[in-house]
Amino acid sequence: MPLNNNGVQTRTRPTTSYEDAFADELEAVYARGVHDLAGVVTALNSSGVRPADGADWTEATFTAELARLGAKEA
């Protein structure tokens, strides 16, 4: 199944190194067969990718970050 890149194609700026690292880590987590929210959060906490405040990921901070990154830029 092809990926839908519409969100990326509409960006008005290049992705940041954080965004690239976050996306790479999520792809690696999914490739290992982890697809449930709790499992993804646990896997991210085992990685070097942290939220902006440096704390551990929680289900709330993970879903908020996905919403923030997925928001359309004005």
N, C-alpha and C. Protein backbone atom coordinates (compact mmCIF):
# COMPACT_ATOMS: atom_id res chain seq x y z
N MET A 1 0.85 -1.17 0.00
CA MET A 1 0.00 0.00 0.00
C MET A 1 0.90 1.24 0.00
N PRO A 2 0.72 2.15 -0.94
CA PRO A 2 1.56 3.35 -0.99
C PRO A 2 1.25 4.29 0.17
N LEU A 3 2.26 5.00 0.60
CA LEU A 3 2.09 5.97 1.67
C LEU A 3 1.45 7.23 1.12
N ASN A 4 0.64 7.87 1.93
CA ASN A 4 0.03 9.14 1.57
C ASN A 4 0.96 10.24 2.07
N ASN A 5 1.60 10.93 1.17
CA ASN A 5 2.55 11.98 1.53
C ASN A 5 1.97 13.37 1.42
N ASN A 6 0.67 13.49 1.32
CA ASN A 6 0.07 14.81 1.11
C ASN A 6 0.47 15.80 2.19
N GLY A 7 0.51 15.39 3.45
CA GLY A 7 0.89 16.30 4.53
C GLY A 7 2.29 16.83 4.37
N VAL A 8 3.21 15.97 3.97
CA VAL A 8 4.60 16.39 3.78
C VAL A 8 4.71 17.27 2.55
N GLN A 9 3.98 16.96 1.52
CA GLN A 9 4.07 17.71 0.28
C GLN A 9 3.58 19.14 0.44
N THR A 10 2.76 19.41 1.44
CA THR A 10 2.25 20.76 1.62
C THR A 10 3.06 21.58 2.62
N ARG A 11 4.12 21.02 3.15
CA ARG A 11 4.95 21.76 4.09
C ARG A 11 5.56 22.98 3.42
N THR A 12 5.68 24.03 4.20
CA THR A 12 6.28 25.26 3.68
C THR A 12 7.73 25.41 4.09
N ARG A 13 8.25 24.39 4.79
CA ARG A 13 9.63 24.43 5.25
C ARG A 13 10.17 23.01 5.31
N PRO A 14 11.48 22.86 5.32
CA PRO A 14 12.05 21.51 5.48
C PRO A 14 11.75 20.98 6.88
N THR A 15 11.73 19.66 7.01
CA THR A 15 11.56 19.08 8.34
C THR A 15 12.80 19.34 9.18
N THR A 16 12.60 19.38 10.48
CA THR A 16 13.71 19.59 11.41
C THR A 16 14.40 18.26 11.69
N SER A 17 15.58 18.32 12.27
CA SER A 17 16.29 17.08 12.62
C SER A 17 15.48 16.29 13.65
N TYR A 18 14.79 16.97 14.57
CA TYR A 18 13.92 16.29 15.53
C TYR A 18 12.80 15.56 14.80
N GLU A 19 12.13 16.23 13.86
CA GLU A 19 11.03 15.61 13.14
C GLU A 19 11.51 14.39 12.35
N ASP A 20 12.68 14.51 11.74
CA ASP A 20 13.25 13.37 11.01
C ASP A 20 13.54 12.21 11.95
N ALA A 21 14.15 12.49 13.10
CA ALA A 21 14.49 11.44 14.06
C ALA A 21 13.22 10.79 14.62
N PHE A 22 12.22 11.59 14.93
CA PHE A 22 10.95 11.08 15.45
C PHE A 22 10.29 10.16 14.42
N ALA A 23 10.24 10.60 13.17
CA ALA A 23 9.65 9.79 12.11
C ALA A 23 10.44 8.50 11.89
N ASP A 24 11.75 8.59 11.88
CA ASP A 24 12.58 7.40 11.70
C ASP A 24 12.35 6.40 12.82
N GLU A 25 12.28 6.89 14.05
CA GLU A 25 12.06 5.98 15.18
C GLU A 25 10.68 5.35 15.12
N LEU A 26 9.66 6.13 14.76
CA LEU A 26 8.32 5.55 14.63
C LEU A 26 8.29 4.47 13.56
N GLU A 27 8.95 4.71 12.45
CA GLU A 27 9.00 3.69 11.39
C GLU A 27 9.68 2.42 11.91
N ALA A 28 10.74 2.57 12.68
CA ALA A 28 11.44 1.41 13.23
C ALA A 28 10.55 0.65 14.22
N VAL A 29 9.82 1.39 15.04
CA VAL A 29 8.92 0.76 16.02
C VAL A 29 7.85 -0.04 15.28
N TYR A 30 7.22 0.58 14.29
CA TYR A 30 6.18 -0.11 13.52
C TYR A 30 6.75 -1.31 12.78
N ALA A 31 7.96 -1.20 12.26
CA ALA A 31 8.59 -2.31 11.55
C ALA A 31 8.84 -3.51 12.45
N ARG A 32 9.00 -3.24 13.75
CA ARG A 32 9.17 -4.34 14.71
C ARG A 32 7.85 -4.97 15.09
N GLY A 33 6.76 -4.48 14.51
CA GLY A 33 5.45 -5.06 14.77
C GLY A 33 4.70 -4.45 15.93
N VAL A 34 5.20 -3.36 16.45
CA VAL A 34 4.53 -2.68 17.56
C VAL A 34 3.56 -1.67 16.96
N HIS A 35 2.27 -1.85 17.27
CA HIS A 35 1.26 -0.98 16.67
C HIS A 35 0.27 -0.42 17.69
N ASP A 36 0.27 -0.94 18.90
CA ASP A 36 -0.66 -0.42 19.91
C ASP A 36 -0.04 0.80 20.60
N LEU A 37 -0.89 1.71 21.05
CA LEU A 37 -0.43 2.97 21.63
C LEU A 37 0.52 2.75 22.79
N ALA A 38 0.16 1.90 23.72
CA ALA A 38 1.03 1.66 24.89
C ALA A 38 2.38 1.11 24.46
N GLY A 39 2.38 0.20 23.50
CA GLY A 39 3.64 -0.38 23.02
C GLY A 39 4.52 0.63 22.31
N VAL A 40 3.90 1.51 21.51
CA VAL A 40 4.66 2.55 20.81
C VAL A 40 5.30 3.49 21.82
N VAL A 41 4.55 3.89 22.82
CA VAL A 41 5.08 4.79 23.86
C VAL A 41 6.23 4.13 24.60
N THR A 42 6.08 2.87 24.96
CA THR A 42 7.15 2.14 25.64
C THR A 42 8.40 2.07 24.77
N ALA A 43 8.21 1.77 23.49
CA ALA A 43 9.35 1.68 22.57
C ALA A 43 10.03 3.03 22.41
N LEU A 44 9.25 4.10 22.29
CA LEU A 44 9.86 5.44 22.18
C LEU A 44 10.67 5.78 23.42
N ASN A 45 10.18 5.37 24.58
CA ASN A 45 10.92 5.65 25.82
C ASN A 45 12.22 4.87 25.89
N SER A 46 12.33 3.80 25.12
CA SER A 46 13.58 3.03 25.07
C SER A 46 14.55 3.59 24.03
N SER A 47 14.08 4.55 23.27
CA SER A 47 14.90 5.15 22.21
C SER A 47 15.53 6.44 22.70
N GLY A 48 16.28 7.06 21.84
CA GLY A 48 16.90 8.34 22.18
C GLY A 48 16.05 9.54 21.82
N VAL A 49 14.87 9.30 21.24
CA VAL A 49 14.00 10.40 20.83
C VAL A 49 13.08 10.76 22.00
N ARG A 50 13.14 11.99 22.41
CA ARG A 50 12.36 12.47 23.55
C ARG A 50 11.49 13.64 23.15
N PRO A 51 10.42 13.89 23.91
CA PRO A 51 9.63 15.10 23.67
C PRO A 51 10.50 16.34 23.95
N ALA A 52 10.00 17.48 23.56
CA ALA A 52 10.76 18.73 23.69
C ALA A 52 11.23 18.98 25.13
N ASP A 53 10.45 18.58 26.12
CA ASP A 53 10.83 18.82 27.52
C ASP A 53 11.80 17.78 28.06
N GLY A 54 12.13 16.77 27.25
CA GLY A 54 13.11 15.77 27.65
C GLY A 54 12.57 14.68 28.56
N ALA A 55 11.29 14.77 28.91
CA ALA A 55 10.68 13.78 29.80
C ALA A 55 10.38 12.50 29.04
N ASP A 56 9.91 11.48 29.76
CA ASP A 56 9.44 10.27 29.11
C ASP A 56 8.17 10.56 28.33
N TRP A 57 7.98 9.78 27.27
CA TRP A 57 6.73 9.86 26.53
C TRP A 57 5.61 9.27 27.37
N THR A 58 4.43 9.82 27.23
CA THR A 58 3.21 9.23 27.77
C THR A 58 2.25 9.11 26.59
N GLU A 59 1.17 8.40 26.78
CA GLU A 59 0.18 8.31 25.71
C GLU A 59 -0.32 9.71 25.34
N ALA A 60 -0.51 10.56 26.34
CA ALA A 60 -1.01 11.92 26.10
C ALA A 60 0.01 12.77 25.34
N THR A 61 1.29 12.71 25.74
CA THR A 61 2.28 13.54 25.05
C THR A 61 2.53 13.03 23.63
N PHE A 62 2.47 11.71 23.43
CA PHE A 62 2.66 11.15 22.11
C PHE A 62 1.53 11.58 21.17
N THR A 63 0.29 11.43 21.60
CA THR A 63 -0.83 11.80 20.74
C THR A 63 -0.87 13.31 20.50
N ALA A 64 -0.49 14.09 21.49
CA ALA A 64 -0.42 15.55 21.30
C ALA A 64 0.66 15.91 20.29
N GLU A 65 1.79 15.21 20.33
CA GLU A 65 2.87 15.48 19.38
C GLU A 65 2.45 15.10 17.97
N LEU A 66 1.77 13.99 17.81
CA LEU A 66 1.28 13.62 16.49
C LEU A 66 0.31 14.67 15.96
N ALA A 67 -0.57 15.17 16.82
CA ALA A 67 -1.51 16.21 16.40
C ALA A 67 -0.77 17.49 16.02
N ARG A 68 0.24 17.86 16.81
CA ARG A 68 0.99 19.08 16.52
C ARG A 68 1.72 18.95 15.19
N LEU A 69 2.37 17.83 14.99
CA LEU A 69 3.13 17.63 13.76
C LEU A 69 2.23 17.47 12.54
N GLY A 70 1.03 17.00 12.75
CA GLY A 70 0.11 16.82 11.65
C GLY A 70 -0.73 18.03 11.31
N ALA A 71 -0.63 19.06 12.16
CA ALA A 71 -1.41 20.27 11.93
C ALA A 71 -0.97 20.94 10.63
N LYS A 72 -1.92 21.44 9.91
CA LYS A 72 -1.61 22.16 8.67
C LYS A 72 -0.93 23.48 9.01
N GLU A 73 0.09 23.80 8.27
CA GLU A 73 0.79 25.07 8.46
C GLU A 73 0.03 26.16 7.72
N ALA A 74 -0.01 27.32 8.32
CA ALA A 74 -0.71 28.44 7.67
C ALA A 74 0.17 29.10 6.63
